[in-house]
N, C-alpha and C. Protein backbone atom coordinates (compact mmCIF):
# COMPACT_ATOMS: atom_id res chain seq x y z
N UNK A 1 0.87 -1.18 0.00
CA UNK A 1 0.00 0.00 0.00
C UNK A 1 0.90 1.22 0.00
N UNK A 2 0.57 2.20 -0.67
CA UNK A 2 1.36 3.43 -0.80
C UNK A 2 0.97 4.40 0.29
N UNK A 3 2.05 4.97 1.00
CA UNK A 3 1.78 5.98 2.05
C UNK A 3 1.36 7.29 1.42
N UNK A 4 0.38 7.86 2.06
CA UNK A 4 -0.13 9.15 1.58
C UNK A 4 0.35 10.23 2.55
N UNK A 5 1.06 11.25 2.05
CA UNK A 5 1.57 12.38 2.86
C UNK A 5 0.57 13.51 2.77
N UNK A 6 -0.07 13.82 3.93
CA UNK A 6 -1.07 14.88 3.95
C UNK A 6 -0.47 16.25 4.24
N UNK A 7 0.87 16.36 4.54
CA UNK A 7 1.51 17.65 4.86
C UNK A 7 1.75 18.44 3.58
N UNK A 8 1.34 19.65 3.64
CA UNK A 8 1.52 20.51 2.47
C UNK A 8 2.99 20.86 2.33
N UNK A 9 3.37 21.30 1.21
CA UNK A 9 4.79 21.55 0.93
C UNK A 9 5.34 22.77 1.68
N UNK A 10 4.52 23.77 1.95
CA UNK A 10 5.04 25.00 2.56
C UNK A 10 5.18 24.91 4.08
N UNK A 11 4.61 23.82 4.65
CA UNK A 11 4.65 23.72 6.12
C UNK A 11 6.07 23.51 6.66
N UNK A 12 6.89 22.64 6.08
CA UNK A 12 8.27 22.51 6.57
C UNK A 12 9.05 23.82 6.44
N UNK A 13 8.78 24.54 5.36
CA UNK A 13 9.45 25.84 5.22
C UNK A 13 9.03 26.79 6.33
N UNK A 14 7.75 26.76 6.69
CA UNK A 14 7.26 27.62 7.77
C UNK A 14 7.92 27.26 9.10
N UNK A 15 8.10 25.96 9.34
CA UNK A 15 8.77 25.56 10.57
C UNK A 15 10.22 26.03 10.61
N UNK A 16 10.89 25.90 9.48
CA UNK A 16 12.28 26.39 9.44
C UNK A 16 12.34 27.89 9.69
N UNK A 17 11.39 28.63 9.08
CA UNK A 17 11.39 30.08 9.27
C UNK A 17 11.11 30.45 10.74
N UNK A 18 10.21 29.69 11.37
CA UNK A 18 9.92 29.95 12.77
C UNK A 18 11.15 29.71 13.64
N UNK A 19 11.88 28.61 13.34
CA UNK A 19 13.10 28.34 14.08
C UNK A 19 14.14 29.44 13.86
N UNK A 20 14.23 29.90 12.59
CA UNK A 20 15.17 30.99 12.30
C UNK A 20 14.79 32.27 13.04
N UNK A 21 13.45 32.52 13.08
CA UNK A 21 13.00 33.73 13.79
C UNK A 21 13.31 33.63 15.28
N UNK A 22 13.16 32.45 15.87
CA UNK A 22 13.49 32.28 17.28
C UNK A 22 14.97 32.53 17.53
N UNK A 23 15.82 31.94 16.66
CA UNK A 23 17.26 32.17 16.81
C UNK A 23 17.60 33.65 16.64
N UNK A 24 16.98 34.30 15.67
CA UNK A 24 17.23 35.73 15.47
C UNK A 24 16.78 36.54 16.68
N UNK A 25 15.64 36.15 17.26
CA UNK A 25 15.15 36.84 18.45
C UNK A 25 16.13 36.68 19.61
N UNK A 26 16.62 35.43 19.83
CA UNK A 26 17.57 35.20 20.89
C UNK A 26 18.88 35.97 20.65
N UNK A 27 19.32 35.93 19.39
CA UNK A 27 20.56 36.66 19.08
C UNK A 27 20.38 38.16 19.28
N UNK A 28 19.21 38.69 18.83
CA UNK A 28 18.94 40.13 19.00
C UNK A 28 18.87 40.50 20.48
N UNK A 29 18.23 39.63 21.30
CA UNK A 29 18.15 39.90 22.74
C UNK A 29 19.54 39.88 23.37
N UNK A 30 20.36 38.93 22.93
CA UNK A 30 21.73 38.87 23.47
C UNK A 30 22.52 40.10 23.09
N UNK A 31 22.33 40.55 21.83
CA UNK A 31 23.04 41.75 21.40
C UNK A 31 22.59 42.96 22.19
N UNK A 32 21.25 43.09 22.39
CA UNK A 32 20.73 44.23 23.16
C UNK A 32 21.24 44.20 24.58
N UNK A 33 21.20 42.98 25.19
CA UNK A 33 21.70 42.86 26.56
C UNK A 33 23.19 43.20 26.62
N UNK A 34 23.94 42.74 25.62
CA UNK A 34 25.36 43.07 25.59
C UNK A 34 25.60 44.57 25.46
N UNK A 35 24.78 45.22 24.59
CA UNK A 35 24.92 46.67 24.42
C UNK A 35 24.58 47.40 25.71
N UNK A 36 23.49 46.95 26.40
CA UNK A 36 23.11 47.59 27.67
C UNK A 36 24.20 47.41 28.72
N UNK A 37 24.75 46.18 28.77
CA UNK A 37 25.84 45.96 29.73
C UNK A 37 27.05 46.83 29.39
N UNK A 38 27.36 46.97 28.12
CA UNK A 38 28.48 47.82 27.70
C UNK A 38 28.23 49.29 28.08
N UNK A 39 26.99 49.75 27.84
CA UNK A 39 26.66 51.14 28.20
C UNK A 39 26.76 51.35 29.70
N UNK A 40 26.26 50.36 30.46
CA UNK A 40 26.33 50.48 31.93
C UNK A 40 27.78 50.50 32.41
N UNK A 41 28.60 49.63 31.81
CA UNK A 41 30.01 49.63 32.19
C UNK A 41 30.70 50.94 31.81
N UNK A 42 30.31 51.49 30.64
CA UNK A 42 30.88 52.77 30.24
C UNK A 42 30.48 53.87 31.21
N UNK A 43 29.22 53.86 31.64
CA UNK A 43 28.78 54.86 32.61
C UNK A 43 29.50 54.71 33.94
N UNK A 44 29.68 53.46 34.36
CA UNK A 44 30.41 53.24 35.60
C UNK A 44 31.85 53.72 35.48
N UNK A 45 32.46 53.44 34.35
CA UNK A 45 33.83 53.90 34.13
C UNK A 45 33.90 55.42 34.10
N UNK A 46 32.88 56.05 33.45
CA UNK A 46 32.86 57.51 33.39
C UNK A 46 32.66 58.11 34.77
N UNK A 47 31.75 57.50 35.55
CA UNK A 47 31.53 57.98 36.92
C UNK A 47 32.79 57.82 37.77
N UNK A 48 33.46 56.68 37.62
CA UNK A 48 34.70 56.47 38.37
C UNK A 48 35.78 57.45 37.94
N UNK A 49 35.85 57.71 36.62
CA UNK A 49 36.84 58.68 36.14
C UNK A 49 36.52 60.08 36.65
N UNK A 50 35.23 60.44 36.69
CA UNK A 50 34.84 61.75 37.20
C UNK A 50 35.18 61.87 38.69
N UNK A 51 34.89 60.82 39.45
CA UNK A 51 35.22 60.83 40.87
C UNK A 51 36.73 60.92 41.08
N UNK A 52 37.47 60.18 40.27
CA UNK A 52 38.93 60.24 40.37
C UNK A 52 39.45 61.62 40.00
N UNK A 53 38.81 62.25 39.00
CA UNK A 53 39.22 63.60 38.62
C UNK A 53 38.97 64.59 39.75
N UNK A 54 37.81 64.45 40.43
CA UNK A 54 37.53 65.34 41.55
C UNK A 54 38.53 65.13 42.68
N UNK A 55 38.87 63.86 42.93
CA UNK A 55 39.86 63.58 43.97
C UNK A 55 41.22 64.18 43.61
N UNK A 56 41.59 64.04 42.33
CA UNK A 56 42.88 64.59 41.88
C UNK A 56 42.88 66.11 41.98
N UNK A 57 41.74 66.75 41.60
CA UNK A 57 41.65 68.20 41.71
C UNK A 57 41.75 68.65 43.16
N UNK A 58 41.09 67.90 44.05
CA UNK A 58 41.19 68.24 45.48
C UNK A 58 42.62 68.08 45.97
N UNK A 59 43.29 67.01 45.53
CA UNK A 59 44.69 66.83 45.93
C UNK A 59 45.58 67.93 45.36
N UNK A 60 45.28 68.34 44.11
CA UNK A 60 46.07 69.42 43.52
C UNK A 60 45.87 70.73 44.26
N UNK A 61 44.59 71.01 44.65
CA UNK A 61 44.33 72.24 45.40
C UNK A 61 45.04 72.20 46.75
N UNK A 62 45.00 71.03 47.41
CA UNK A 62 45.70 70.91 48.69
C UNK A 62 47.21 71.05 48.51
N UNK A 63 47.73 70.44 47.43
CA UNK A 63 49.17 70.56 47.17
C UNK A 63 49.54 72.00 46.84
N UNK A 64 48.67 72.69 46.08
CA UNK A 64 48.95 74.09 45.76
C UNK A 64 48.96 74.95 47.02
N UNK A 65 48.00 74.68 47.93
CA UNK A 65 47.99 75.43 49.19
C UNK A 65 49.26 75.16 50.00
N UNK A 66 49.68 73.89 50.03
CA UNK A 66 50.91 73.57 50.76
C UNK A 66 52.13 74.21 50.10
N UNK A 67 52.12 74.26 48.76
CA UNK A 67 53.24 74.90 48.06
C UNK A 67 53.29 76.39 48.40
N UNK A 68 52.11 77.04 48.44
CA UNK A 68 52.08 78.47 48.78
C UNK A 68 52.59 78.68 50.21
N UNK A 69 52.13 77.82 51.14
CA UNK A 69 52.63 77.94 52.51
C UNK A 69 54.13 77.71 52.57
N UNK A 70 54.60 76.73 51.79
CA UNK A 70 56.04 76.47 51.76
C UNK A 70 56.81 77.66 51.19
N UNK A 71 56.25 78.30 50.14
CA UNK A 71 56.90 79.49 49.59
C UNK A 71 56.98 80.60 50.63
N UNK A 72 55.89 80.77 51.40
CA UNK A 72 55.91 81.80 52.45
C UNK A 72 56.96 81.46 53.50
N UNK A 73 57.00 80.19 53.90
CA UNK A 73 57.99 79.79 54.90
C UNK A 73 59.41 79.95 54.38
N UNK A 74 59.61 79.62 53.09
CA UNK A 74 60.94 79.79 52.51
C UNK A 74 61.31 81.27 52.44
N UNK A 75 60.30 82.13 52.13
CA UNK A 75 60.56 83.56 52.13
C UNK A 75 60.95 84.06 53.50
N UNK A 76 60.22 83.61 54.54
CA UNK A 76 60.58 83.99 55.90
C UNK A 76 61.96 83.46 56.27
N UNK A 77 62.25 82.23 55.82
CA UNK A 77 63.57 81.66 56.12
C UNK A 77 64.67 82.49 55.46
N UNK A 78 64.42 82.89 54.20
CA UNK A 78 65.43 83.72 53.53
C UNK A 78 65.62 85.05 54.26
N UNK A 79 64.51 85.64 54.72
CA UNK A 79 64.62 86.89 55.47
C UNK A 79 65.42 86.68 56.76
N UNK A 80 65.10 85.59 57.47
CA UNK A 80 65.82 85.33 58.72
C UNK A 80 67.29 85.05 58.46
N UNK A 81 67.58 84.29 57.39
CA UNK A 81 68.98 84.03 57.07
C UNK A 81 69.70 85.31 56.67
N UNK A 82 68.99 86.19 55.95
CA UNK A 82 69.61 87.46 55.58
C UNK A 82 69.91 88.29 56.82
N UNK A 83 68.94 88.36 57.73
CA UNK A 83 69.18 89.12 58.96
C UNK A 83 70.27 88.49 59.80
N UNK A 84 70.26 87.14 59.84
CA UNK A 84 71.30 86.47 60.61
C UNK A 84 72.67 86.72 60.01
N UNK A 85 72.75 86.73 58.67
CA UNK A 85 74.03 86.99 58.04
C UNK A 85 74.50 88.41 58.33
N UNK A 86 73.53 89.35 58.39
CA UNK A 86 73.91 90.74 58.72
C UNK A 86 74.46 90.80 60.13
N UNK A 87 73.75 90.13 61.07
CA UNK A 87 74.21 90.14 62.46
C UNK A 87 75.56 89.45 62.58
N UNK A 88 75.72 88.32 61.87
CA UNK A 88 77.01 87.62 61.94
C UNK A 88 78.13 88.43 61.33
N UNK A 89 77.80 89.17 60.24
CA UNK A 89 78.85 90.01 59.64
C UNK A 89 79.24 91.15 60.57
N UNK A 90 78.26 91.65 61.34
CA UNK A 90 78.59 92.70 62.31
C UNK A 90 79.31 92.13 63.53
N UNK A 91 79.06 90.86 63.83
CA UNK A 91 79.69 90.25 64.99
C UNK A 91 79.20 90.82 66.29
N UNK A 92 77.89 91.17 66.39
CA UNK A 92 77.36 91.84 67.57
C UNK A 92 76.56 90.86 68.43
N UNK A 93 76.80 90.85 69.72
CA UNK A 93 75.97 90.02 70.61
C UNK A 93 74.64 90.70 70.90
N UNK A 94 73.73 90.69 69.98
CA UNK A 94 72.44 91.36 70.15
C UNK A 94 71.60 90.53 71.10
N UNK A 95 71.41 91.00 72.31
CA UNK A 95 70.73 90.22 73.35
C UNK A 95 69.24 90.55 73.30
N UNK A 96 68.58 89.98 72.33
CA UNK A 96 67.16 90.27 72.16
C UNK A 96 66.34 89.77 73.34
N UNK A 97 66.65 88.58 73.81
CA UNK A 97 65.88 88.04 74.94
C UNK A 97 66.06 88.90 76.18
N UNK A 98 67.27 89.38 76.41
CA UNK A 98 67.50 90.24 77.57
C UNK A 98 66.76 91.56 77.41
N UNK A 99 66.77 92.11 76.19
CA UNK A 99 66.05 93.35 75.93
C UNK A 99 64.57 93.19 76.23
N UNK A 100 63.96 92.12 75.70
CA UNK A 100 62.53 91.90 75.94
C UNK A 100 62.25 91.64 77.41
N UNK A 101 63.17 90.93 78.07
CA UNK A 101 62.98 90.68 79.50
C UNK A 101 63.03 91.97 80.31
N UNK A 102 63.98 92.85 80.00
CA UNK A 102 64.06 94.13 80.70
C UNK A 102 62.82 94.98 80.44
N UNK A 103 62.37 95.01 79.19
CA UNK A 103 61.17 95.80 78.88
C UNK A 103 59.95 95.25 79.61
N UNK A 104 59.80 93.94 79.66
CA UNK A 104 58.65 93.36 80.34
C UNK A 104 58.69 93.65 81.84
N UNK A 105 59.89 93.69 82.42
CA UNK A 105 59.99 94.02 83.85
C UNK A 105 59.72 95.49 84.11
N UNK A 106 59.97 96.33 83.11
CA UNK A 106 59.72 97.76 83.30
C UNK A 106 58.24 98.12 83.09
N UNK A 107 57.52 97.34 82.32
CA UNK A 107 56.13 97.68 82.00
C UNK A 107 55.20 97.35 83.16
N UNK A 108 54.15 98.15 83.26
CA UNK A 108 53.10 97.88 84.22
C UNK A 108 52.13 96.84 83.69
N UNK A 109 51.15 96.47 84.50
CA UNK A 109 50.20 95.42 84.06
C UNK A 109 49.33 95.84 82.90
N UNK A 110 49.08 97.15 82.74
CA UNK A 110 48.20 97.59 81.65
C UNK A 110 48.93 98.10 80.42
N UNK A 111 50.27 98.09 80.45
CA UNK A 111 51.05 98.60 79.33
C UNK A 111 51.38 97.48 78.36
N UNK A 112 51.28 97.79 77.09
CA UNK A 112 51.63 96.80 76.06
C UNK A 112 52.34 97.51 74.92
N UNK A 113 53.26 96.79 74.27
CA UNK A 113 54.02 97.31 73.14
C UNK A 113 53.41 96.84 71.84
N UNK A 114 53.28 97.78 70.90
CA UNK A 114 52.72 97.45 69.59
C UNK A 114 53.79 97.28 68.52
N UNK A 115 54.98 97.90 68.72
CA UNK A 115 56.02 97.81 67.71
C UNK A 115 57.37 98.04 68.36
N UNK A 116 58.38 97.31 67.89
CA UNK A 116 59.76 97.49 68.32
C UNK A 116 60.63 97.55 67.07
N UNK A 117 61.33 98.64 66.87
CA UNK A 117 62.25 98.79 65.75
C UNK A 117 63.67 98.93 66.30
N UNK A 118 64.63 98.34 65.61
CA UNK A 118 66.02 98.38 66.06
C UNK A 118 66.93 98.69 64.88
N UNK A 119 67.89 99.56 65.11
CA UNK A 119 68.87 99.93 64.09
C UNK A 119 70.26 99.94 64.73
N UNK A 120 71.22 99.28 64.09
CA UNK A 120 72.58 99.21 64.60
C UNK A 120 73.37 100.40 64.03
N UNK A 121 73.95 101.18 64.93
CA UNK A 121 74.73 102.36 64.52
C UNK A 121 76.07 102.33 65.26
N UNK A 122 77.02 103.08 64.71
CA UNK A 122 78.34 103.23 65.32
C UNK A 122 78.60 104.71 65.53
N UNK A 123 78.89 105.10 66.75
CA UNK A 123 79.13 106.50 67.06
C UNK A 123 80.02 106.60 68.30
N UNK A 124 80.37 107.83 68.63
CA UNK A 124 81.19 108.07 69.81
C UNK A 124 80.35 107.89 71.07
N UNK A 125 80.88 107.24 72.06
CA UNK A 125 80.18 107.22 73.36
C UNK A 125 80.09 108.63 73.92
N UNK A 126 78.93 108.98 74.43
CA UNK A 126 78.71 110.36 74.86
C UNK A 126 79.60 110.74 76.03
N UNK A 127 79.76 109.81 76.98
CA UNK A 127 80.56 110.13 78.16
C UNK A 127 82.02 110.33 77.78
N UNK A 128 82.56 109.43 76.93
CA UNK A 128 83.97 109.55 76.54
C UNK A 128 84.18 110.78 75.68
N UNK A 129 83.21 111.07 74.82
CA UNK A 129 83.36 112.24 73.96
C UNK A 129 83.39 113.51 74.77
N UNK A 130 82.50 113.62 75.81
CA UNK A 130 82.50 114.83 76.63
C UNK A 130 83.77 114.93 77.45
N UNK A 131 84.28 113.77 77.93
CA UNK A 131 85.53 113.79 78.69
C UNK A 131 86.69 114.25 77.82
N UNK A 132 86.69 113.77 76.56
CA UNK A 132 87.77 114.17 75.66
C UNK A 132 87.72 115.66 75.38
N UNK A 133 86.48 116.19 75.27
CA UNK A 133 86.40 117.62 74.96
C UNK A 133 86.80 118.47 76.15
N UNK A 134 86.52 117.97 77.39
CA UNK A 134 86.82 118.79 78.57
C UNK A 134 88.26 118.63 79.03
N UNK A 135 88.91 117.52 78.72
CA UNK A 135 90.27 117.30 79.18
C UNK A 135 91.25 118.00 78.25
N UNK A 136 92.16 118.76 78.81
CA UNK A 136 93.12 119.45 77.94
C UNK A 136 94.04 118.48 77.24
N UNK A 137 94.29 117.33 77.86
CA UNK A 137 95.20 116.38 77.23
C UNK A 137 94.48 115.27 76.49
N UNK A 138 93.17 115.43 76.32
CA UNK A 138 92.39 114.37 75.70
C UNK A 138 92.67 114.28 74.22
N UNK A 139 92.14 113.19 73.66
CA UNK A 139 92.39 112.94 72.24
C UNK A 139 91.65 113.92 71.37
N UNK A 140 90.50 114.51 71.91
CA UNK A 140 89.76 115.45 71.08
C UNK A 140 90.56 116.70 70.83
N UNK A 141 91.27 117.20 71.89
CA UNK A 141 92.04 118.42 71.69
C UNK A 141 93.29 118.17 70.88
N UNK A 142 93.81 116.94 70.93
CA UNK A 142 95.02 116.66 70.18
C UNK A 142 94.74 116.19 68.77
N UNK A 143 93.48 115.98 68.45
CA UNK A 143 93.14 115.56 67.10
C UNK A 143 93.41 114.11 66.83
N UNK A 144 93.60 113.29 67.91
CA UNK A 144 93.86 111.87 67.73
C UNK A 144 92.57 111.13 67.40
N UNK A 145 92.67 109.83 67.20
CA UNK A 145 91.48 109.04 66.89
C UNK A 145 90.53 108.98 68.08
N UNK A 146 89.26 109.12 67.82
CA UNK A 146 88.25 109.09 68.86
C UNK A 146 87.69 107.67 68.98
N UNK A 147 87.37 107.26 70.20
CA UNK A 147 86.83 105.90 70.38
C UNK A 147 85.43 105.80 69.76
N UNK A 148 85.15 104.65 69.22
CA UNK A 148 83.85 104.38 68.62
C UNK A 148 83.22 103.20 69.35
N UNK A 149 81.90 103.20 69.33
CA UNK A 149 81.16 102.13 69.98
C UNK A 149 79.89 101.85 69.17
N UNK A 150 79.48 100.60 69.15
CA UNK A 150 78.28 100.23 68.42
C UNK A 150 77.10 100.19 69.38
N UNK A 151 75.97 100.76 68.90
CA UNK A 151 74.76 100.84 69.69
C UNK A 151 73.60 100.29 68.88
N UNK A 152 72.60 99.84 69.60
CA UNK A 152 71.31 99.49 68.99
C UNK A 152 70.33 100.58 69.35
N UNK A 153 69.98 101.42 68.37
CA UNK A 153 68.97 102.45 68.60
C UNK A 153 67.59 101.81 68.45
N UNK A 154 66.79 101.88 69.50
CA UNK A 154 65.52 101.17 69.57
C UNK A 154 64.39 102.19 69.64
N UNK A 155 63.34 101.90 68.89
CA UNK A 155 62.13 102.73 68.90
C UNK A 155 60.96 101.86 69.34
N UNK A 156 60.27 102.32 70.39
CA UNK A 156 59.13 101.58 70.92
C UNK A 156 57.85 102.36 70.68
N UNK A 157 56.80 101.66 70.34
CA UNK A 157 55.46 102.24 70.24
C UNK A 157 54.51 101.33 71.01
N UNK A 158 53.75 101.92 71.94
CA UNK A 158 52.89 101.10 72.78
C UNK A 158 51.65 101.83 73.22
N UNK A 159 50.87 101.15 74.05
CA UNK A 159 49.58 101.65 74.54
C UNK A 159 49.54 101.41 76.04
N UNK A 160 49.02 102.40 76.77
CA UNK A 160 48.86 102.29 78.22
C UNK A 160 47.49 102.87 78.60
N UNK A 161 46.92 102.43 79.71
CA UNK A 161 45.59 102.93 80.07
C UNK A 161 45.59 104.36 80.60
N UNK A 162 46.73 104.84 81.08
CA UNK A 162 46.75 106.18 81.68
C UNK A 162 48.15 106.76 81.56
N UNK A 163 48.23 108.06 81.88
CA UNK A 163 49.53 108.75 81.86
C UNK A 163 50.44 108.22 82.96
N UNK A 164 49.85 107.86 84.09
CA UNK A 164 50.68 107.37 85.20
C UNK A 164 51.36 106.05 84.83
N UNK A 165 50.68 105.20 84.06
CA UNK A 165 51.31 103.96 83.61
C UNK A 165 52.50 104.24 82.70
N UNK A 166 52.33 105.23 81.81
CA UNK A 166 53.45 105.60 80.93
C UNK A 166 54.61 106.17 81.74
N UNK A 167 54.29 107.02 82.72
CA UNK A 167 55.35 107.60 83.56
C UNK A 167 56.07 106.50 84.35
N UNK A 168 55.30 105.53 84.83
CA UNK A 168 55.91 104.41 85.56
C UNK A 168 56.85 103.63 84.64
N UNK A 169 56.42 103.35 83.42
CA UNK A 169 57.24 102.63 82.45
C UNK A 169 58.50 103.44 82.11
N UNK A 170 58.33 104.72 81.85
CA UNK A 170 59.46 105.59 81.51
C UNK A 170 60.47 105.67 82.65
N UNK A 171 59.96 105.82 83.89
CA UNK A 171 60.86 105.91 85.04
C UNK A 171 61.65 104.63 85.25
N UNK A 172 60.99 103.48 85.07
CA UNK A 172 61.71 102.21 85.23
C UNK A 172 62.80 102.05 84.19
N UNK A 173 62.53 102.48 82.95
CA UNK A 173 63.54 102.37 81.91
C UNK A 173 64.71 103.31 82.19
N UNK A 174 64.42 104.53 82.64
CA UNK A 174 65.51 105.49 82.93
C UNK A 174 66.41 104.96 84.03
N UNK A 175 65.82 104.28 85.01
CA UNK A 175 66.62 103.78 86.14
C UNK A 175 67.44 102.53 85.78
N UNK A 176 67.17 101.93 84.64
CA UNK A 176 67.93 100.75 84.24
C UNK A 176 69.24 101.16 83.60
N UNK A 177 70.39 100.67 84.10
CA UNK A 177 71.66 100.98 83.44
C UNK A 177 71.82 100.28 82.10
N UNK A 178 70.91 99.38 81.83
CA UNK A 178 70.94 98.64 80.57
C UNK A 178 70.63 99.54 79.37
N UNK A 179 69.90 100.66 79.61
CA UNK A 179 69.46 101.55 78.53
C UNK A 179 70.13 102.91 78.65
N UNK A 180 70.28 103.56 77.48
CA UNK A 180 70.86 104.90 77.42
C UNK A 180 70.00 105.76 76.48
N UNK A 181 70.15 107.06 76.59
CA UNK A 181 69.50 108.03 75.71
C UNK A 181 67.99 107.78 75.60
N UNK A 182 67.37 107.64 76.76
CA UNK A 182 65.93 107.37 76.81
C UNK A 182 65.18 108.68 76.63
N UNK A 183 64.22 108.70 75.73
CA UNK A 183 63.39 109.88 75.51
C UNK A 183 62.01 109.43 75.04
N UNK A 184 61.03 110.33 75.26
CA UNK A 184 59.67 110.06 74.83
C UNK A 184 59.19 111.24 73.99
N UNK A 185 59.36 111.14 72.67
CA UNK A 185 59.01 112.28 71.82
C UNK A 185 57.51 112.47 71.61
N UNK A 186 56.71 111.46 71.88
CA UNK A 186 55.30 111.59 71.54
C UNK A 186 54.46 110.78 72.51
N UNK A 187 53.33 111.35 72.92
CA UNK A 187 52.34 110.66 73.74
C UNK A 187 51.00 111.34 73.50
N UNK A 188 50.01 110.58 73.11
CA UNK A 188 48.71 111.18 72.78
C UNK A 188 47.58 110.26 73.22
N UNK A 189 46.42 110.86 73.31
CA UNK A 189 45.24 110.11 73.74
C UNK A 189 44.60 109.42 72.55
N UNK A 190 44.13 108.19 72.78
CA UNK A 190 43.47 107.41 71.72
C UNK A 190 42.23 106.77 72.31
N UNK A 191 41.20 106.62 71.48
CA UNK A 191 39.94 106.03 71.94
C UNK A 191 39.55 104.89 71.01
N UNK A 192 39.07 103.83 71.62
CA UNK A 192 38.55 102.68 70.89
C UNK A 192 37.15 102.38 71.43
N UNK A 193 36.15 103.01 70.82
CA UNK A 193 34.79 102.89 71.33
C UNK A 193 34.67 103.67 72.63
N UNK A 194 34.28 102.99 73.69
CA UNK A 194 34.16 103.62 75.01
C UNK A 194 35.46 103.56 75.80
N UNK A 195 36.46 102.86 75.28
CA UNK A 195 37.72 102.72 75.98
C UNK A 195 38.69 103.82 75.55
N UNK A 196 39.20 104.56 76.51
CA UNK A 196 40.14 105.66 76.24
C UNK A 196 41.51 105.23 76.77
N UNK A 197 42.49 105.26 75.90
CA UNK A 197 43.85 104.89 76.26
C UNK A 197 44.81 105.99 75.81
N UNK A 198 46.08 105.76 76.07
CA UNK A 198 47.11 106.69 75.62
C UNK A 198 48.17 105.91 74.84
N UNK A 199 48.48 106.40 73.65
CA UNK A 199 49.54 105.84 72.83
C UNK A 199 50.81 106.63 73.06
N UNK A 200 51.93 105.94 73.10
CA UNK A 200 53.20 106.62 73.34
C UNK A 200 54.26 106.08 72.41
N UNK A 201 55.26 106.91 72.21
CA UNK A 201 56.44 106.55 71.41
C UNK A 201 57.67 106.85 72.23
N UNK A 202 58.59 105.91 72.28
CA UNK A 202 59.78 106.05 73.12
C UNK A 202 60.99 105.59 72.34
N UNK A 203 62.10 106.28 72.51
CA UNK A 203 63.36 105.91 71.88
C UNK A 203 64.41 105.70 72.96
N UNK A 204 65.28 104.76 72.73
CA UNK A 204 66.36 104.48 73.67
C UNK A 204 67.50 103.82 72.91
N UNK A 205 68.62 103.70 73.59
CA UNK A 205 69.82 103.17 72.96
C UNK A 205 70.40 102.09 73.86
N UNK A 206 70.95 101.06 73.20
CA UNK A 206 71.51 99.93 73.92
C UNK A 206 72.94 99.72 73.46
N UNK A 207 73.93 99.85 74.34
CA UNK A 207 75.33 99.62 73.93
C UNK A 207 75.56 98.14 73.65
N UNK A 208 76.23 97.87 72.54
CA UNK A 208 76.48 96.49 72.13
C UNK A 208 77.93 96.08 72.28
N UNK A 209 78.85 97.02 72.09
CA UNK A 209 80.28 96.69 72.19
C UNK A 209 80.95 97.74 73.04
N UNK A 210 82.07 97.41 73.68
CA UNK A 210 82.83 98.42 74.41
C UNK A 210 83.48 99.42 73.47
N UNK A 211 83.76 100.58 73.98
CA UNK A 211 84.39 101.61 73.16
C UNK A 211 85.78 101.17 72.74
N UNK A 212 86.11 101.44 71.49
CA UNK A 212 87.42 101.06 70.96
C UNK A 212 87.93 102.18 70.09
N UNK A 213 89.26 102.29 70.03
CA UNK A 213 89.91 103.31 69.22
C UNK A 213 90.51 102.63 68.03
N UNK A 214 90.28 103.18 66.85
CA UNK A 214 90.84 102.59 65.63
C UNK A 214 92.34 102.64 65.68
N UNK A 215 93.04 101.59 65.27
CA UNK A 215 94.51 101.57 65.31
C UNK A 215 95.07 102.61 64.35
N UNK A 216 96.21 103.24 64.72
CA UNK A 216 96.79 104.25 63.85
C UNK A 216 97.30 103.64 62.56
N UNK A 217 97.34 104.44 61.54
CA UNK A 217 97.81 103.97 60.23
C UNK A 217 99.30 103.67 60.30
N UNK A 218 99.78 102.82 59.42
CA UNK A 218 101.19 102.47 59.37
C UNK A 218 102.02 103.70 59.00
N UNK A 219 103.14 103.80 59.71
CA UNK A 219 104.03 104.91 59.44
C UNK A 219 103.69 106.14 60.24
N UNK A 220 102.58 106.09 61.05
CA UNK A 220 102.24 107.26 61.84
C UNK A 220 103.19 107.35 63.01
N UNK A 221 103.54 108.54 63.38
CA UNK A 221 104.46 108.78 64.47
C UNK A 221 103.76 109.60 65.55
């Protein structure tokens, strides 16, 4: 007996097309999922790069601030080294701590200093110069070399609550043998709101080296 095939010819083709469509759908879904995963990874990488950039910028700003502070410190160091070289070249025992200690002992409880200026000068000691001028046999009358001495001329500017405090400070400084040529060229009243004070300016001199006479030139008789 002959077998009869009731399946139409286009049905196997339809099945193949359906299988192809399923494979295409799966492949398309895989491609879309892969693209989405790639986009997500790119966004994560971009976010991480942005965060890293912000961290780097913050580190750069902190480093720049530290560099500026270092430049300031180096500038101060250069200034201090320059001043130290000046002092070393002069060879002067500038007793700054002793000066500040003496000033603090002379000041009253309400007196405060706002500025201290110091200048190193070389001049004749006043006492020796006057003695030379008054002595008939002194070096001033004979035209010989006069002794020289190095001094620190100091200028003080400060504030006190009253005139009596300034007078107390001035009197203590005058009585100290540590200071010479003490004078007060200026004192005026100042007000800060309801508080009335007095500002003063004072000058004094501090001997740094003993008096010395320059050696005579060679061949002098």
